[in-house]
Amino acid sequence: MPGVPLISVVDDDDALRSSLENLIRSVGWRAQSFCSGEAFLKSTQARETSCLILDMRMPGMSGLELQRQMLLADSHLPIIFVTAHENDALCTQALEAGAVAFLHKPFYEEELLNAIYAALEDS
């Protein structure tokens, strides 16, 4: 569906990925999810992604490491970080590296949707 933004979710929590995909599709966007940063980077659809919702801490590649890799590849993909681990230093680091939002789990659906709308408008 050309013209319809693709929102990608990278999180190691199966239930959260499924829930976020359903939410994203309910407002008319396309959605895809990945259980790891490595899986996202290997995906051929990663290049089509309009906005990335990224867990801060995952087994294997962390969200910050994925963000660093994307910056090294000169990707300007808007990233919204989500985390269950409150850490102001990590939040600051992610935002200084260009993340558009940093949300603490659990978050309200409206909070995430507003962050996605803002990310899509700025890109």
C-alpha atoms as a PDB file:
ATOM      1  CA  MET A   1       0.000   0.000   0.000  1.00  0.00           C
ATOM      2  CA  PRO A   2       2.077   2.882  -1.272  1.00  0.00           C
ATOM      3  CA  GLY A   3       1.744   6.105   0.679  1.00  0.00           C
ATOM      4  CA  VAL A   4       0.648   4.383   3.887  1.00  0.00           C
ATOM      5  CA  PRO A   5       3.399   4.669   6.505  1.00  0.00           C
ATOM      6  CA  LEU A   6       5.021   1.469   7.732  1.00  0.00           C
ATOM      7  CA  ILE A   7       5.637   1.489  11.472  1.00  0.00           C
ATOM      8  CA  SER A   8       8.103  -1.110  12.726  1.00  0.00           C
ATOM      9  CA  VAL A   9       8.215  -2.390  16.296  1.00  0.00           C
ATOM     10  CA  VAL A  10      11.363  -3.972  17.737  1.00  0.00           C
ATOM     11  CA  ASP A  11      10.774  -5.528  21.156  1.00  0.00           C
ATOM     12  CA  ASP A  12      11.528  -8.903  22.706  1.00  0.00           C
ATOM     13  CA  ASP A  13       8.051  -9.098  24.322  1.00  0.00           C
ATOM     14  CA  ASP A  14       5.704 -11.055  22.009  1.00  0.00           C
ATOM     15  CA  ALA A  15       2.523  -9.758  23.652  1.00  0.00           C
ATOM     16  CA  LEU A  16       3.616  -6.136  23.426  1.00  0.00           C
ATOM     17  CA  ARG A  17       4.619  -6.488  19.773  1.00  0.00           C
ATOM     18  CA  SER A  18       1.242  -7.997  18.929  1.00  0.00           C
ATOM     19  CA  SER A  19      -0.642  -5.340  20.871  1.00  0.00           C
ATOM     20  CA  LEU A  20       1.288  -2.501  19.227  1.00  0.00           C
ATOM     21  CA  GLU A  21       0.808  -3.973  15.749  1.00  0.00           C
ATOM     22  CA  ASN A  22      -2.966  -4.088  16.362  1.00  0.00           C
ATOM     23  CA  LEU A  23      -2.969  -0.497  17.639  1.00  0.00           C
ATOM     24  CA  ILE A  24      -0.934   0.749  14.676  1.00  0.00           C
ATOM     25  CA  ARG A  25      -3.184  -1.013  12.173  1.00  0.00           C
ATOM     26  CA  SER A  26      -6.315   0.298  13.915  1.00  0.00           C
ATOM     27  CA  VAL A  27      -5.412   3.860  12.860  1.00  0.00           C
ATOM     28  CA  GLY A  28      -4.695   2.868   9.250  1.00  0.00           C
ATOM     29  CA  TRP A  29      -0.915   2.480   9.187  1.00  0.00           C
ATOM     30  CA  ARG A  30       0.953  -0.648   8.146  1.00  0.00           C
ATOM     31  CA  ALA A  31       2.799  -2.492  10.906  1.00  0.00           C
ATOM     32  CA  GLN A  32       5.540  -5.056  11.185  1.00  0.00           C
ATOM     33  CA  SER A  33       7.408  -6.302  14.215  1.00  0.00           C
ATOM     34  CA  PHE A  34      10.714  -7.898  15.062  1.00  0.00           C
ATOM     35  CA  CYS A  35      11.933  -9.682  18.172  1.00  0.00           C
ATOM     36  CA  SER A  36      15.442  -8.200  17.950  1.00  0.00           C
ATOM     37  CA  GLY A  37      17.498  -5.408  16.474  1.00  0.00           C
ATOM     38  CA  GLU A  38      19.414  -7.939  14.437  1.00  0.00           C
ATOM     39  CA  ALA A  39      16.187  -9.224  12.845  1.00  0.00           C
ATOM     40  CA  PHE A  40      15.162  -5.658  11.961  1.00  0.00           C
ATOM     41  CA  LEU A  41      18.508  -4.909  10.310  1.00  0.00           C
ATOM     42  CA  LYS A  42      18.312  -8.118   8.242  1.00  0.00           C
ATOM     43  CA  SER A  43      14.782  -7.370   7.032  1.00  0.00           C
ATOM     44  CA  THR A  44      14.306  -6.212   3.474  1.00  0.00           C
ATOM     45  CA  GLN A  45      11.336  -4.124   4.656  1.00  0.00           C
ATOM     46  CA  ALA A  46      13.462  -2.158   7.122  1.00  0.00           C
ATOM     47  CA  ARG A  47      14.157   0.367   4.353  1.00  0.00           C
ATOM     48  CA  GLU A  48      10.411   0.978   3.950  1.00  0.00           C
ATOM     49  CA  THR A  49       9.953   1.816   7.638  1.00  0.00           C
ATOM     50  CA  SER A  50       8.635   5.324   8.295  1.00  0.00           C
ATOM     51  CA  CYS A  51       8.953   5.207  12.095  1.00  0.00           C
ATOM     52  CA  LEU A  52      10.596   2.748  14.482  1.00  0.00           C
ATOM     53  CA  ILE A  53       9.288   1.880  17.932  1.00  0.00           C
ATOM     54  CA  LEU A  54      12.274   0.445  19.740  1.00  0.00           C
ATOM     55  CA  ASP A  55      12.700  -1.244  23.108  1.00  0.00           C
ATOM     56  CA  MET A  56      15.682   0.123  24.998  1.00  0.00           C
ATOM     57  CA  ARG A  57      16.824  -3.174  26.516  1.00  0.00           C
ATOM     58  CA  MET A  58      16.676  -6.498  24.714  1.00  0.00           C
ATOM     59  CA  PRO A  59      18.769  -9.638  24.641  1.00  0.00           C
ATOM     60  CA  GLY A  60      21.525  -9.267  22.071  1.00  0.00           C
ATOM     61  CA  MET A  61      21.654  -5.845  20.453  1.00  0.00           C
ATOM     62  CA  SER A  62      20.275  -3.105  22.689  1.00  0.00           C
ATOM     63  CA  GLY A  63      18.039  -0.372  21.374  1.00  0.00           C
ATOM     64  CA  LEU A  64      20.828   2.162  21.778  1.00  0.00           C
ATOM     65  CA  GLU A  65      23.195  -0.045  19.768  1.00  0.00           C
ATOM     66  CA  LEU A  66      20.616  -0.361  16.975  1.00  0.00           C
ATOM     67  CA  GLN A  67      20.207   3.418  16.996  1.00  0.00           C
ATOM     68  CA  ARG A  68      24.014   3.819  16.751  1.00  0.00           C
ATOM     69  CA  GLN A  69      24.207   1.366  13.852  1.00  0.00           C
ATOM     70  CA  MET A  70      21.483   3.225  11.996  1.00  0.00           C
ATOM     71  CA  LEU A  71      23.241   6.561  12.536  1.00  0.00           C
ATOM     72  CA  LEU A  72      26.485   5.068  11.206  1.00  0.00           C
ATOM     73  CA  ALA A  73      24.536   3.959   8.118  1.00  0.00           C
ATOM     74  CA  ASP A  74      23.288   7.564   7.764  1.00  0.00           C
ATOM     75  CA  SER A  75      19.702   6.543   8.454  1.00  0.00           C
ATOM     76  CA  HIS A  76      17.455   9.348   9.642  1.00  0.00           C
ATOM     77  CA  LEU A  77      14.584   7.070  10.614  1.00  0.00           C
ATOM     78  CA  PRO A  78      12.493   8.540  13.443  1.00  0.00           C
ATOM     79  CA  ILE A  79      12.828   6.388  16.571  1.00  0.00           C
ATOM     80  CA  ILE A  80      10.488   6.219  19.535  1.00  0.00           C
ATOM     81  CA  PHE A  81      12.103   4.408  22.449  1.00  0.00           C
ATOM     82  CA  VAL A  82      10.025   2.444  24.940  1.00  0.00           C
ATOM     83  CA  THR A  83      11.354   0.921  28.132  1.00  0.00           C
ATOM     84  CA  ALA A  84      10.298  -0.601  31.428  1.00  0.00           C
ATOM     85  CA  HIS A  85      13.617   0.435  32.980  1.00  0.00           C
ATOM     86  CA  GLU A  86      13.693   4.029  34.142  1.00  0.00           C
ATOM     87  CA  ASN A  87      17.116   5.455  33.509  1.00  0.00           C
ATOM     88  CA  ASP A  88      17.491   9.172  32.919  1.00  0.00           C
ATOM     89  CA  ALA A  89      21.013   8.781  31.502  1.00  0.00           C
ATOM     90  CA  LEU A  90      19.823   6.326  28.818  1.00  0.00           C
ATOM     91  CA  CYS A  91      16.849   8.552  28.026  1.00  0.00           C
ATOM     92  CA  THR A  92      19.122  11.546  27.602  1.00  0.00           C
ATOM     93  CA  GLN A  93      21.559   9.558  25.470  1.00  0.00           C
ATOM     94  CA  ALA A  94      18.772   8.310  23.165  1.00  0.00           C
ATOM     95  CA  LEU A  95      17.231  11.758  22.749  1.00  0.00           C
ATOM     96  CA  GLU A  96      20.594  13.440  22.136  1.00  0.00           C
ATOM     97  CA  ALA A  97      21.261  10.867  19.396  1.00  0.00           C
ATOM     98  CA  GLY A  98      18.036  11.895  17.673  1.00  0.00           C
ATOM     99  CA  ALA A  99      15.185   9.837  19.137  1.00  0.00           C
ATOM    100  CA  VAL A 100      11.884  11.680  18.830  1.00  0.00           C
ATOM    101  CA  ALA A 101      10.386  10.319  22.052  1.00  0.00           C
ATOM    102  CA  PHE A 102      11.166   8.160  25.058  1.00  0.00           C
ATOM    103  CA  LEU A 103       8.163   6.449  26.684  1.00  0.00           C
ATOM    104  CA  HIS A 104       8.109   4.447  29.907  1.00  0.00           C
ATOM    105  CA  LYS A 105       6.125   1.189  29.934  1.00  0.00           C
ATOM    106  CA  PRO A 106       3.280   0.982  30.555  1.00  0.00           C
ATOM    107  CA  PHE A 107       2.262   3.973  28.469  1.00  0.00           C
ATOM    108  CA  TYR A 108      -1.087   5.186  27.221  1.00  0.00           C
ATOM    109  CA  GLU A 109      -2.017   4.339  23.629  1.00  0.00           C
ATOM    110  CA  GLU A 110      -2.707   8.015  22.952  1.00  0.00           C
ATOM    111  CA  GLU A 111       0.803   8.913  24.138  1.00  0.00           C
ATOM    112  CA  LEU A 112       2.361   6.503  21.651  1.00  0.00           C
ATOM    113  CA  LEU A 113       0.073   7.537  18.787  1.00  0.00           C
ATOM    114  CA  ASN A 114       0.865  11.208  19.396  1.00  0.00           C
ATOM    115  CA  ALA A 115       4.587  10.401  19.284  1.00  0.00           C
ATOM    116  CA  ILE A 116       4.139   8.505  16.000  1.00  0.00           C
ATOM    117  CA  TYR A 117       2.135  11.355  14.444  1.00  0.00           C
ATOM    118  CA  ALA A 118       4.846  13.824  15.491  1.00  0.00           C
ATOM    119  CA  ALA A 119       7.601  11.577  14.117  1.00  0.00           C
ATOM    120  CA  LEU A 120       5.827  11.194  10.767  1.00  0.00           C
ATOM    121  CA  GLU A 121       5.228  14.947  10.481  1.00  0.00           C
ATOM    122  CA  ASP A 122       8.887  15.733  11.160  1.00  0.00           C
ATOM    123  CA  SER A 123      10.293  13.182   8.720  1.00  0.00           C
END
